[in-house]
Amino acid sequence: MPGAKASNDYRRRNYDRILFQFPAGARDVLRAAAAAAGFSSVNAWAAAVLGQAAGADLGLHGDFGPRKPRKAGADPAENPPEQAKK
């Protein structure tokens, strides 16, 4: 894959990798908690929760908050633009 090395190098330079271990079954509990809080991933939720506890913004670009509700018709695939009339 041509861009894989560049992507991996970028991640290595710009992100810290921290691994946590939990008892079996905890993944589903954490996924449910993240979704209930409106986050798109456990990683986003964990960064927000841990950052708040540490008094620091640990989010990517400061934007790891809950998902914003989408407006109806906001997905271009659902509502393709109309053809320009001649």
N, C-alpha and C. Protein backbone atom coordinates (compact mmCIF):
# COMPACT_ATOMS: atom_id res chain seq x y z
N MET A 1 0.85 -1.18 0.00
CA MET A 1 0.00 0.00 0.00
C MET A 1 0.90 1.25 0.00
N PRO A 2 0.77 2.11 -0.99
CA PRO A 2 1.70 3.22 -1.14
C PRO A 2 1.70 4.22 0.01
N GLY A 3 0.55 4.56 0.55
CA GLY A 3 0.49 5.58 1.59
C GLY A 3 0.60 5.06 3.00
N ALA A 4 0.68 3.75 3.17
CA ALA A 4 0.69 3.16 4.50
C ALA A 4 1.91 3.59 5.31
N LYS A 5 3.07 3.61 4.71
CA LYS A 5 4.29 4.00 5.43
C LYS A 5 4.18 5.45 5.87
N ALA A 6 3.73 6.32 4.99
CA ALA A 6 3.59 7.73 5.34
C ALA A 6 2.57 7.92 6.46
N SER A 7 1.46 7.18 6.39
CA SER A 7 0.43 7.27 7.44
C SER A 7 0.98 6.79 8.78
N ASN A 8 1.70 5.68 8.76
CA ASN A 8 2.27 5.15 9.99
C ASN A 8 3.31 6.11 10.56
N ASP A 9 4.13 6.69 9.70
CA ASP A 9 5.13 7.66 10.17
C ASP A 9 4.47 8.87 10.79
N TYR A 10 3.39 9.35 10.17
CA TYR A 10 2.66 10.51 10.70
C TYR A 10 2.09 10.19 12.08
N ARG A 11 1.46 9.02 12.21
CA ARG A 11 0.90 8.63 13.51
C ARG A 11 1.99 8.52 14.57
N ARG A 12 3.10 7.93 14.20
CA ARG A 12 4.20 7.75 15.14
C ARG A 12 4.75 9.09 15.64
N ARG A 13 4.80 10.08 14.75
CA ARG A 13 5.32 11.40 15.12
C ARG A 13 4.32 12.24 15.90
N ASN A 14 3.02 12.05 15.66
CA ASN A 14 2.02 12.97 16.18
C ASN A 14 1.11 12.43 17.27
N TYR A 15 1.18 11.15 17.56
CA TYR A 15 0.28 10.56 18.54
C TYR A 15 1.05 9.68 19.51
N ASP A 16 0.60 9.68 20.75
CA ASP A 16 1.09 8.72 21.74
C ASP A 16 0.15 7.53 21.72
N ARG A 17 0.70 6.36 21.87
CA ARG A 17 -0.12 5.15 21.91
C ARG A 17 -0.10 4.64 23.34
N ILE A 18 -1.27 4.55 23.94
CA ILE A 18 -1.41 4.08 25.31
C ILE A 18 -2.38 2.90 25.30
N LEU A 19 -1.95 1.78 25.80
CA LEU A 19 -2.78 0.59 25.81
C LEU A 19 -3.31 0.34 27.22
N PHE A 20 -4.57 -0.03 27.31
CA PHE A 20 -5.21 -0.39 28.57
C PHE A 20 -5.70 -1.83 28.46
N GLN A 21 -5.67 -2.53 29.57
CA GLN A 21 -6.20 -3.89 29.59
C GLN A 21 -7.35 -3.94 30.58
N PHE A 22 -8.45 -4.57 30.14
CA PHE A 22 -9.64 -4.71 30.95
C PHE A 22 -10.05 -6.17 30.96
N PRO A 23 -10.87 -6.53 31.93
CA PRO A 23 -11.37 -7.92 31.94
C PRO A 23 -12.21 -8.20 30.69
N ALA A 24 -12.28 -9.46 30.32
CA ALA A 24 -13.07 -9.86 29.16
C ALA A 24 -14.50 -9.36 29.32
N GLY A 25 -15.05 -8.84 28.23
CA GLY A 25 -16.42 -8.32 28.25
C GLY A 25 -16.51 -6.83 28.48
N ALA A 26 -15.43 -6.22 28.93
CA ALA A 26 -15.45 -4.78 29.21
C ALA A 26 -15.57 -3.95 27.94
N ARG A 27 -15.09 -4.46 26.83
CA ARG A 27 -15.13 -3.71 25.57
C ARG A 27 -16.56 -3.31 25.22
N ASP A 28 -17.50 -4.26 25.35
CA ASP A 28 -18.89 -3.95 25.02
C ASP A 28 -19.47 -2.92 25.98
N VAL A 29 -19.10 -3.01 27.24
CA VAL A 29 -19.58 -2.04 28.23
C VAL A 29 -19.05 -0.64 27.89
N LEU A 30 -17.76 -0.55 27.54
CA LEU A 30 -17.16 0.74 27.19
C LEU A 30 -17.74 1.29 25.89
N ARG A 31 -17.97 0.43 24.90
CA ARG A 31 -18.59 0.88 23.65
C ARG A 31 -19.98 1.46 23.90
N ALA A 32 -20.75 0.78 24.75
CA ALA A 32 -22.10 1.25 25.06
C ALA A 32 -22.05 2.59 25.80
N ALA A 33 -21.10 2.74 26.72
CA ALA A 33 -20.97 3.99 27.46
C ALA A 33 -20.57 5.13 26.53
N ALA A 34 -19.66 4.87 25.62
CA ALA A 34 -19.24 5.89 24.67
C ALA A 34 -20.39 6.30 23.77
N ALA A 35 -21.13 5.33 23.26
CA ALA A 35 -22.27 5.63 22.39
C ALA A 35 -23.35 6.39 23.14
N ALA A 36 -23.62 5.99 24.39
CA ALA A 36 -24.64 6.67 25.19
C ALA A 36 -24.26 8.12 25.47
N ALA A 37 -22.95 8.38 25.55
CA ALA A 37 -22.48 9.75 25.78
C ALA A 37 -22.40 10.55 24.48
N GLY A 38 -22.70 9.89 23.35
CA GLY A 38 -22.73 10.58 22.07
C GLY A 38 -21.41 10.60 21.32
N PHE A 39 -20.47 9.75 21.71
CA PHE A 39 -19.17 9.72 21.05
C PHE A 39 -19.16 8.69 19.93
N SER A 40 -18.34 8.94 18.92
CA SER A 40 -18.28 8.06 17.77
C SER A 40 -17.38 6.85 18.00
N SER A 41 -16.56 6.88 19.05
CA SER A 41 -15.67 5.75 19.32
C SER A 41 -15.29 5.72 20.79
N VAL A 42 -14.82 4.56 21.24
CA VAL A 42 -14.33 4.43 22.61
C VAL A 42 -13.10 5.32 22.79
N ASN A 43 -12.26 5.41 21.76
CA ASN A 43 -11.06 6.24 21.84
C ASN A 43 -11.42 7.71 22.07
N ALA A 44 -12.40 8.20 21.33
CA ALA A 44 -12.84 9.59 21.49
C ALA A 44 -13.38 9.83 22.89
N TRP A 45 -14.19 8.90 23.36
CA TRP A 45 -14.79 9.02 24.68
C TRP A 45 -13.70 8.97 25.77
N ALA A 46 -12.77 8.02 25.64
CA ALA A 46 -11.69 7.89 26.63
C ALA A 46 -10.82 9.14 26.67
N ALA A 47 -10.49 9.70 25.51
CA ALA A 47 -9.68 10.92 25.48
C ALA A 47 -10.40 12.07 26.16
N ALA A 48 -11.71 12.18 25.94
CA ALA A 48 -12.48 13.25 26.56
C ALA A 48 -12.57 13.06 28.08
N VAL A 49 -12.88 11.85 28.51
CA VAL A 49 -13.03 11.57 29.94
C VAL A 49 -11.69 11.72 30.67
N LEU A 50 -10.65 11.12 30.11
CA LEU A 50 -9.33 11.21 30.76
C LEU A 50 -8.79 12.64 30.72
N GLY A 51 -9.02 13.32 29.62
CA GLY A 51 -8.58 14.71 29.52
C GLY A 51 -9.27 15.59 30.55
N GLN A 52 -10.57 15.39 30.72
CA GLN A 52 -11.31 16.17 31.71
C GLN A 52 -10.78 15.88 33.12
N ALA A 53 -10.52 14.61 33.42
CA ALA A 53 -9.99 14.25 34.73
C ALA A 53 -8.60 14.84 34.96
N ALA A 54 -7.82 14.96 33.89
CA ALA A 54 -6.46 15.50 34.00
C ALA A 54 -6.44 17.02 33.86
N GLY A 55 -7.58 17.60 33.52
CA GLY A 55 -7.63 19.05 33.33
C GLY A 55 -6.91 19.48 32.06
N ALA A 56 -6.95 18.63 31.03
CA ALA A 56 -6.26 18.93 29.78
C ALA A 56 -7.14 18.55 28.60
N ASP A 57 -6.94 19.21 27.47
CA ASP A 57 -7.64 18.87 26.24
C ASP A 57 -6.81 17.82 25.52
N LEU A 58 -7.25 16.58 25.55
CA LEU A 58 -6.50 15.49 24.92
C LEU A 58 -7.09 15.09 23.57
N GLY A 59 -8.05 15.85 23.09
CA GLY A 59 -8.72 15.49 21.85
C GLY A 59 -7.91 15.82 20.62
N LEU A 60 -8.21 15.10 19.55
CA LEU A 60 -7.60 15.42 18.26
C LEU A 60 -8.11 16.77 17.82
N HIS A 61 -7.23 17.70 17.61
CA HIS A 61 -7.59 19.03 17.17
C HIS A 61 -8.62 19.67 18.09
N GLY A 62 -8.66 19.24 19.35
CA GLY A 62 -9.62 19.79 20.30
C GLY A 62 -11.06 19.42 19.98
N ASP A 63 -11.28 18.44 19.12
CA ASP A 63 -12.64 18.12 18.70
C ASP A 63 -12.95 16.64 18.94
N PHE A 64 -12.98 16.25 20.18
CA PHE A 64 -13.32 14.87 20.51
C PHE A 64 -14.61 14.81 21.30
N GLY A 65 -15.41 15.86 21.20
CA GLY A 65 -16.66 15.90 21.95
C GLY A 65 -17.71 14.98 21.36
N PRO A 66 -18.87 14.99 22.00
CA PRO A 66 -19.96 14.15 21.50
C PRO A 66 -20.32 14.52 20.07
N ARG A 67 -20.86 13.56 19.37
CA ARG A 67 -21.29 13.80 17.99
C ARG A 67 -22.39 14.84 17.96
N LYS A 68 -22.34 15.68 16.98
CA LYS A 68 -23.41 16.66 16.79
C LYS A 68 -24.50 15.99 15.97
N PRO A 69 -25.77 16.23 16.34
CA PRO A 69 -26.83 15.62 15.55
C PRO A 69 -26.79 16.11 14.11
N ARG A 70 -27.02 15.22 13.18
CA ARG A 70 -27.01 15.59 11.77
C ARG A 70 -28.37 16.14 11.38
N LYS A 71 -28.33 17.14 10.55
CA LYS A 71 -29.57 17.69 10.03
C LYS A 71 -30.12 16.74 8.98
N ALA A 72 -31.43 16.69 8.90
CA ALA A 72 -32.06 15.84 7.89
C ALA A 72 -31.61 16.31 6.51
N GLY A 73 -31.23 15.38 5.69
CA GLY A 73 -30.80 15.71 4.35
C GLY A 73 -29.38 16.22 4.25
N ALA A 74 -28.60 16.12 5.35
CA ALA A 74 -27.23 16.63 5.34
C ALA A 74 -26.28 15.71 4.57
N ASP A 75 -26.67 14.48 4.38
CA ASP A 75 -25.83 13.52 3.68
C ASP A 75 -26.03 13.69 2.17
N PRO A 76 -24.98 14.09 1.44
CA PRO A 76 -25.14 14.29 0.00
C PRO A 76 -25.59 13.04 -0.73
N ALA A 77 -25.28 11.87 -0.21
CA ALA A 77 -25.71 10.63 -0.86
C ALA A 77 -27.23 10.49 -0.80
N GLU A 78 -27.83 11.03 0.27
CA GLU A 78 -29.28 10.95 0.40
C GLU A 78 -29.97 11.97 -0.51
N ASN A 79 -29.37 13.13 -0.67
CA ASN A 79 -29.96 14.21 -1.45
C ASN A 79 -28.94 14.75 -2.45
N PRO A 80 -28.78 14.10 -3.59
CA PRO A 80 -27.82 14.60 -4.57
C PRO A 80 -28.24 15.97 -5.08
N PRO A 81 -27.28 16.83 -5.42
CA PRO A 81 -27.64 18.16 -5.92
C PRO A 81 -28.42 18.05 -7.22
N GLU A 82 -29.35 18.98 -7.38
CA GLU A 82 -30.16 18.97 -8.59
C GLU A 82 -29.32 19.38 -9.78
N GLN A 83 -29.64 18.84 -10.91
CA GLN A 83 -28.94 19.21 -12.15
C GLN A 83 -29.27 20.68 -12.46
N ALA A 84 -28.30 21.40 -12.92
CA ALA A 84 -28.54 22.81 -13.30
C ALA A 84 -29.48 22.83 -14.50
N LYS A 85 -30.47 23.71 -14.40
CA LYS A 85 -31.43 23.81 -15.50
C LYS A 85 -30.87 24.68 -16.60
N LYS A 86 -31.13 24.30 -17.86
CA LYS A 86 -30.61 25.06 -19.00
C LYS A 86 -31.59 26.11 -19.42
